[in-house]
Amino acid sequence: MSDPEAIGFVWMDIEGYEPIACRSMQPLLSRRVPLHMEFTPLFYGAEGTRAFISMLAVYYEDCLVLFEDREEEMKVRDLPGEFDQYNVLFLP
């Protein structure tokens, strides 16, 4: 098995299970390893989306949101919950 300290980037596309995966890798998130994921409020529900954003904001401050028609830099705490799905790159 590889050394977890050697991980320098995480890419996830796991169809709505991102909150579960992120909870299981909090030691990695605490290192603020860049993280790219498909973010799907449609799957998480309103309350789950808010909780997931709050958890991610503990580890990351800034992100790049990749909508279908544009990219937008924003604070993690400001991630939108009204879209069905978009991609996000969480930055250290």
N, C-alpha and C. Protein backbone atom coordinates (compact mmCIF):
# COMPACT_ATOMS: atom_id res chain seq x y z
N MET A 1 0.84 -1.18 0.00
CA MET A 1 0.00 0.00 0.00
C MET A 1 0.89 1.25 0.00
N SER A 2 0.45 2.27 -0.70
CA SER A 2 1.18 3.52 -0.77
C SER A 2 1.08 4.29 0.54
N ASP A 3 2.03 5.17 0.74
CA ASP A 3 2.05 6.04 1.91
C ASP A 3 0.98 7.12 1.72
N PRO A 4 -0.01 7.24 2.61
CA PRO A 4 -1.04 8.27 2.47
C PRO A 4 -0.47 9.68 2.40
N GLU A 5 0.69 9.89 3.01
CA GLU A 5 1.32 11.21 2.97
C GLU A 5 1.79 11.57 1.56
N ALA A 6 1.89 10.57 0.69
CA ALA A 6 2.35 10.81 -0.68
C ALA A 6 1.21 11.27 -1.59
N ILE A 7 -0.02 11.22 -1.13
CA ILE A 7 -1.17 11.63 -1.95
C ILE A 7 -1.17 13.15 -2.06
N GLY A 8 -1.17 13.63 -3.30
CA GLY A 8 -1.12 15.06 -3.53
C GLY A 8 -2.32 15.62 -4.26
N PHE A 9 -3.27 14.75 -4.67
CA PHE A 9 -4.46 15.20 -5.40
C PHE A 9 -5.49 14.08 -5.35
N VAL A 10 -6.76 14.44 -5.15
CA VAL A 10 -7.84 13.46 -5.14
C VAL A 10 -8.89 13.87 -6.17
N TRP A 11 -9.31 12.91 -7.00
CA TRP A 11 -10.35 13.13 -8.01
C TRP A 11 -11.46 12.12 -7.73
N MET A 12 -12.67 12.62 -7.48
CA MET A 12 -13.80 11.73 -7.17
C MET A 12 -14.95 11.98 -8.13
N ASP A 13 -15.55 10.90 -8.59
CA ASP A 13 -16.80 10.93 -9.33
C ASP A 13 -17.52 9.65 -8.93
N ILE A 14 -18.21 9.71 -7.80
CA ILE A 14 -18.76 8.48 -7.22
C ILE A 14 -20.27 8.58 -7.00
N GLU A 15 -20.92 9.31 -7.90
CA GLU A 15 -22.38 9.31 -8.02
C GLU A 15 -23.13 9.54 -6.71
N GLY A 16 -22.81 10.63 -6.03
CA GLY A 16 -23.56 11.01 -4.84
C GLY A 16 -23.00 10.52 -3.52
N TYR A 17 -21.97 9.71 -3.56
CA TYR A 17 -21.38 9.20 -2.31
C TYR A 17 -20.21 10.05 -1.82
N GLU A 18 -20.04 11.23 -2.41
CA GLU A 18 -18.93 12.10 -2.01
C GLU A 18 -18.96 12.47 -0.52
N PRO A 19 -20.12 12.79 0.07
CA PRO A 19 -20.10 13.10 1.51
C PRO A 19 -19.57 11.94 2.36
N ILE A 20 -19.95 10.74 2.02
CA ILE A 20 -19.49 9.57 2.77
C ILE A 20 -17.99 9.40 2.60
N ALA A 21 -17.51 9.51 1.37
CA ALA A 21 -16.08 9.37 1.11
C ALA A 21 -15.28 10.44 1.84
N CYS A 22 -15.77 11.67 1.81
CA CYS A 22 -15.04 12.76 2.47
C CYS A 22 -15.00 12.58 3.98
N ARG A 23 -16.08 12.09 4.56
CA ARG A 23 -16.05 11.83 6.01
C ARG A 23 -15.00 10.77 6.35
N SER A 24 -14.81 9.81 5.45
CA SER A 24 -13.84 8.74 5.74
C SER A 24 -12.40 9.17 5.48
N MET A 25 -12.19 10.29 4.82
CA MET A 25 -10.82 10.72 4.53
C MET A 25 -10.50 12.08 5.14
N GLN A 26 -11.06 12.36 6.31
CA GLN A 26 -10.80 13.64 6.97
C GLN A 26 -9.33 13.89 7.26
N PRO A 27 -8.52 12.87 7.61
CA PRO A 27 -7.10 13.14 7.80
C PRO A 27 -6.43 13.67 6.52
N LEU A 28 -6.87 13.17 5.39
CA LEU A 28 -6.34 13.66 4.11
C LEU A 28 -6.82 15.08 3.84
N LEU A 29 -8.09 15.34 4.11
CA LEU A 29 -8.63 16.69 3.92
C LEU A 29 -7.95 17.69 4.85
N SER A 30 -7.59 17.26 6.04
CA SER A 30 -6.94 18.17 6.98
C SER A 30 -5.58 18.64 6.46
N ARG A 31 -5.01 17.87 5.54
CA ARG A 31 -3.77 18.31 4.88
C ARG A 31 -4.06 19.26 3.73
N ARG A 32 -5.33 19.48 3.44
CA ARG A 32 -5.79 20.39 2.39
C ARG A 32 -5.25 19.97 1.02
N VAL A 33 -5.26 18.68 0.78
CA VAL A 33 -4.88 18.15 -0.52
C VAL A 33 -5.91 18.64 -1.54
N PRO A 34 -5.48 19.18 -2.69
CA PRO A 34 -6.46 19.58 -3.70
C PRO A 34 -7.41 18.43 -4.01
N LEU A 35 -8.68 18.77 -4.13
CA LEU A 35 -9.74 17.77 -4.27
C LEU A 35 -10.69 18.20 -5.38
N HIS A 36 -10.90 17.33 -6.35
CA HIS A 36 -11.86 17.60 -7.43
C HIS A 36 -12.98 16.59 -7.30
N MET A 37 -14.22 17.08 -7.36
CA MET A 37 -15.34 16.15 -7.25
C MET A 37 -16.54 16.66 -8.03
N GLU A 38 -17.40 15.73 -8.34
CA GLU A 38 -18.72 16.05 -8.84
C GLU A 38 -19.56 16.34 -7.60
N PHE A 39 -20.16 17.51 -7.53
CA PHE A 39 -20.94 17.95 -6.38
C PHE A 39 -22.40 17.91 -6.80
N THR A 40 -23.23 17.14 -6.10
CA THR A 40 -24.58 16.85 -6.57
C THR A 40 -25.64 17.12 -5.50
N PRO A 41 -26.02 18.38 -5.31
CA PRO A 41 -27.08 18.69 -4.35
C PRO A 41 -28.36 17.89 -4.59
N LEU A 42 -28.64 17.54 -5.83
CA LEU A 42 -29.82 16.75 -6.16
C LEU A 42 -29.83 15.44 -5.36
N PHE A 43 -28.67 14.82 -5.19
CA PHE A 43 -28.57 13.56 -4.45
C PHE A 43 -28.51 13.78 -2.94
N TYR A 44 -27.89 14.89 -2.51
CA TYR A 44 -27.66 15.11 -1.08
C TYR A 44 -28.88 15.65 -0.35
N GLY A 45 -29.78 16.32 -1.07
CA GLY A 45 -30.91 17.01 -0.45
C GLY A 45 -30.46 18.33 0.15
N ALA A 46 -31.40 19.20 0.45
CA ALA A 46 -31.06 20.54 0.94
C ALA A 46 -30.27 20.50 2.25
N GLU A 47 -30.75 19.74 3.22
CA GLU A 47 -30.06 19.66 4.51
C GLU A 47 -28.70 18.98 4.37
N GLY A 48 -28.64 17.91 3.60
CA GLY A 48 -27.38 17.20 3.38
C GLY A 48 -26.37 18.07 2.65
N THR A 49 -26.84 18.88 1.70
CA THR A 49 -25.95 19.79 0.97
C THR A 49 -25.36 20.82 1.92
N ARG A 50 -26.20 21.41 2.76
CA ARG A 50 -25.70 22.40 3.73
C ARG A 50 -24.69 21.78 4.67
N ALA A 51 -24.98 20.58 5.15
CA ALA A 51 -24.05 19.90 6.07
C ALA A 51 -22.73 19.57 5.38
N PHE A 52 -22.80 19.12 4.13
CA PHE A 52 -21.59 18.78 3.39
C PHE A 52 -20.75 20.02 3.14
N ILE A 53 -21.38 21.11 2.75
CA ILE A 53 -20.64 22.36 2.54
C ILE A 53 -19.98 22.81 3.84
N SER A 54 -20.70 22.73 4.94
CA SER A 54 -20.11 23.12 6.24
C SER A 54 -18.90 22.26 6.57
N MET A 55 -19.00 20.96 6.32
CA MET A 55 -17.86 20.08 6.60
C MET A 55 -16.67 20.44 5.72
N LEU A 56 -16.91 20.65 4.43
CA LEU A 56 -15.82 20.97 3.50
C LEU A 56 -15.18 22.31 3.85
N ALA A 57 -15.99 23.26 4.32
CA ALA A 57 -15.47 24.60 4.66
C ALA A 57 -14.54 24.57 5.87
N VAL A 58 -14.59 23.50 6.65
CA VAL A 58 -13.64 23.35 7.75
C VAL A 58 -12.22 23.16 7.21
N TYR A 59 -12.12 22.49 6.07
CA TYR A 59 -10.83 22.13 5.50
C TYR A 59 -10.37 23.04 4.38
N TYR A 60 -11.30 23.58 3.62
CA TYR A 60 -10.96 24.39 2.45
C TYR A 60 -11.68 25.73 2.53
N GLU A 61 -11.01 26.77 2.07
CA GLU A 61 -11.63 28.09 2.03
C GLU A 61 -12.06 28.45 0.62
N ASP A 62 -11.21 28.15 -0.36
CA ASP A 62 -11.45 28.57 -1.74
C ASP A 62 -11.67 27.37 -2.65
N CYS A 63 -12.46 27.63 -3.72
CA CYS A 63 -12.70 26.57 -4.70
C CYS A 63 -12.96 27.20 -6.06
N LEU A 64 -12.90 26.36 -7.05
CA LEU A 64 -13.25 26.73 -8.42
C LEU A 64 -14.43 25.86 -8.80
N VAL A 65 -15.56 26.49 -9.11
CA VAL A 65 -16.76 25.77 -9.49
C VAL A 65 -16.82 25.72 -11.01
N LEU A 66 -17.01 24.53 -11.53
CA LEU A 66 -17.04 24.31 -12.97
C LEU A 66 -18.47 23.97 -13.38
N PHE A 67 -19.20 25.02 -13.76
CA PHE A 67 -20.55 24.83 -14.27
C PHE A 67 -20.44 24.41 -15.74
N GLU A 68 -21.55 24.01 -16.34
CA GLU A 68 -21.51 23.59 -17.74
C GLU A 68 -21.07 24.70 -18.67
N ASP A 69 -21.44 25.96 -18.34
CA ASP A 69 -21.18 27.07 -19.25
C ASP A 69 -20.12 28.07 -18.77
N ARG A 70 -19.56 27.83 -17.57
CA ARG A 70 -18.59 28.80 -17.05
C ARG A 70 -17.85 28.22 -15.85
N GLU A 71 -16.78 28.90 -15.47
CA GLU A 71 -16.02 28.59 -14.26
C GLU A 71 -16.14 29.80 -13.34
N GLU A 72 -16.22 29.55 -12.05
CA GLU A 72 -16.35 30.65 -11.10
C GLU A 72 -15.58 30.35 -9.82
N GLU A 73 -14.68 31.24 -9.44
CA GLU A 73 -13.98 31.11 -8.17
C GLU A 73 -14.91 31.60 -7.07
N MET A 74 -14.91 30.88 -5.95
CA MET A 74 -15.75 31.31 -4.82
C MET A 74 -15.23 30.70 -3.53
N LYS A 75 -15.78 31.16 -2.46
CA LYS A 75 -15.51 30.58 -1.14
C LYS A 75 -16.31 29.30 -1.01
N VAL A 76 -15.74 28.31 -0.37
CA VAL A 76 -16.44 27.03 -0.20
C VAL A 76 -17.77 27.24 0.52
N ARG A 77 -17.79 28.08 1.51
CA ARG A 77 -19.02 28.31 2.28
C ARG A 77 -20.15 28.86 1.40
N ASP A 78 -19.80 29.40 0.21
CA ASP A 78 -20.79 29.98 -0.70
C ASP A 78 -21.21 29.05 -1.83
N LEU A 79 -20.82 27.78 -1.77
CA LEU A 79 -21.21 26.85 -2.82
C LEU A 79 -22.73 26.83 -2.98
N PRO A 80 -23.20 26.88 -4.22
CA PRO A 80 -24.66 26.91 -4.42
C PRO A 80 -25.31 25.55 -4.21
N GLY A 81 -26.49 25.56 -3.62
CA GLY A 81 -27.24 24.34 -3.42
C GLY A 81 -28.41 24.19 -4.37
N GLU A 82 -28.63 25.21 -5.22
CA GLU A 82 -29.81 25.19 -6.07
C GLU A 82 -29.60 24.50 -7.42
N PHE A 83 -28.38 24.12 -7.73
CA PHE A 83 -28.11 23.40 -8.98
C PHE A 83 -28.16 21.90 -8.71
N ASP A 84 -28.56 21.14 -9.73
CA ASP A 84 -28.61 19.68 -9.57
C ASP A 84 -27.21 19.10 -9.39
N GLN A 85 -26.25 19.60 -10.19
CA GLN A 85 -24.91 19.02 -10.18
C GLN A 85 -23.92 19.95 -10.86
N TYR A 86 -22.69 19.96 -10.37
CA TYR A 86 -21.59 20.67 -10.99
C TYR A 86 -20.29 20.10 -10.44
N ASN A 87 -19.18 20.47 -11.03
CA ASN A 87 -17.88 20.02 -10.57
C ASN A 87 -17.22 21.11 -9.74
N VAL A 88 -16.42 20.69 -8.78
CA VAL A 88 -15.73 21.64 -7.91
C VAL A 88 -14.29 21.17 -7.71
N LEU A 89 -13.37 22.14 -7.76
CA LEU A 89 -11.98 21.91 -7.40
C LEU A 89 -11.72 22.68 -6.13
N PHE A 90 -11.48 21.96 -5.03
CA PHE A 90 -11.19 22.58 -3.74
C PHE A 90 -9.68 22.81 -3.68
N LEU A 91 -9.30 24.03 -3.34
CA LEU A 91 -7.91 24.44 -3.39
C LEU A 91 -7.34 24.70 -2.00
N PRO A 92 -6.07 24.37 -1.81
CA PRO A 92 -5.44 24.63 -0.50
C PRO A 92 -5.28 26.12 -0.25
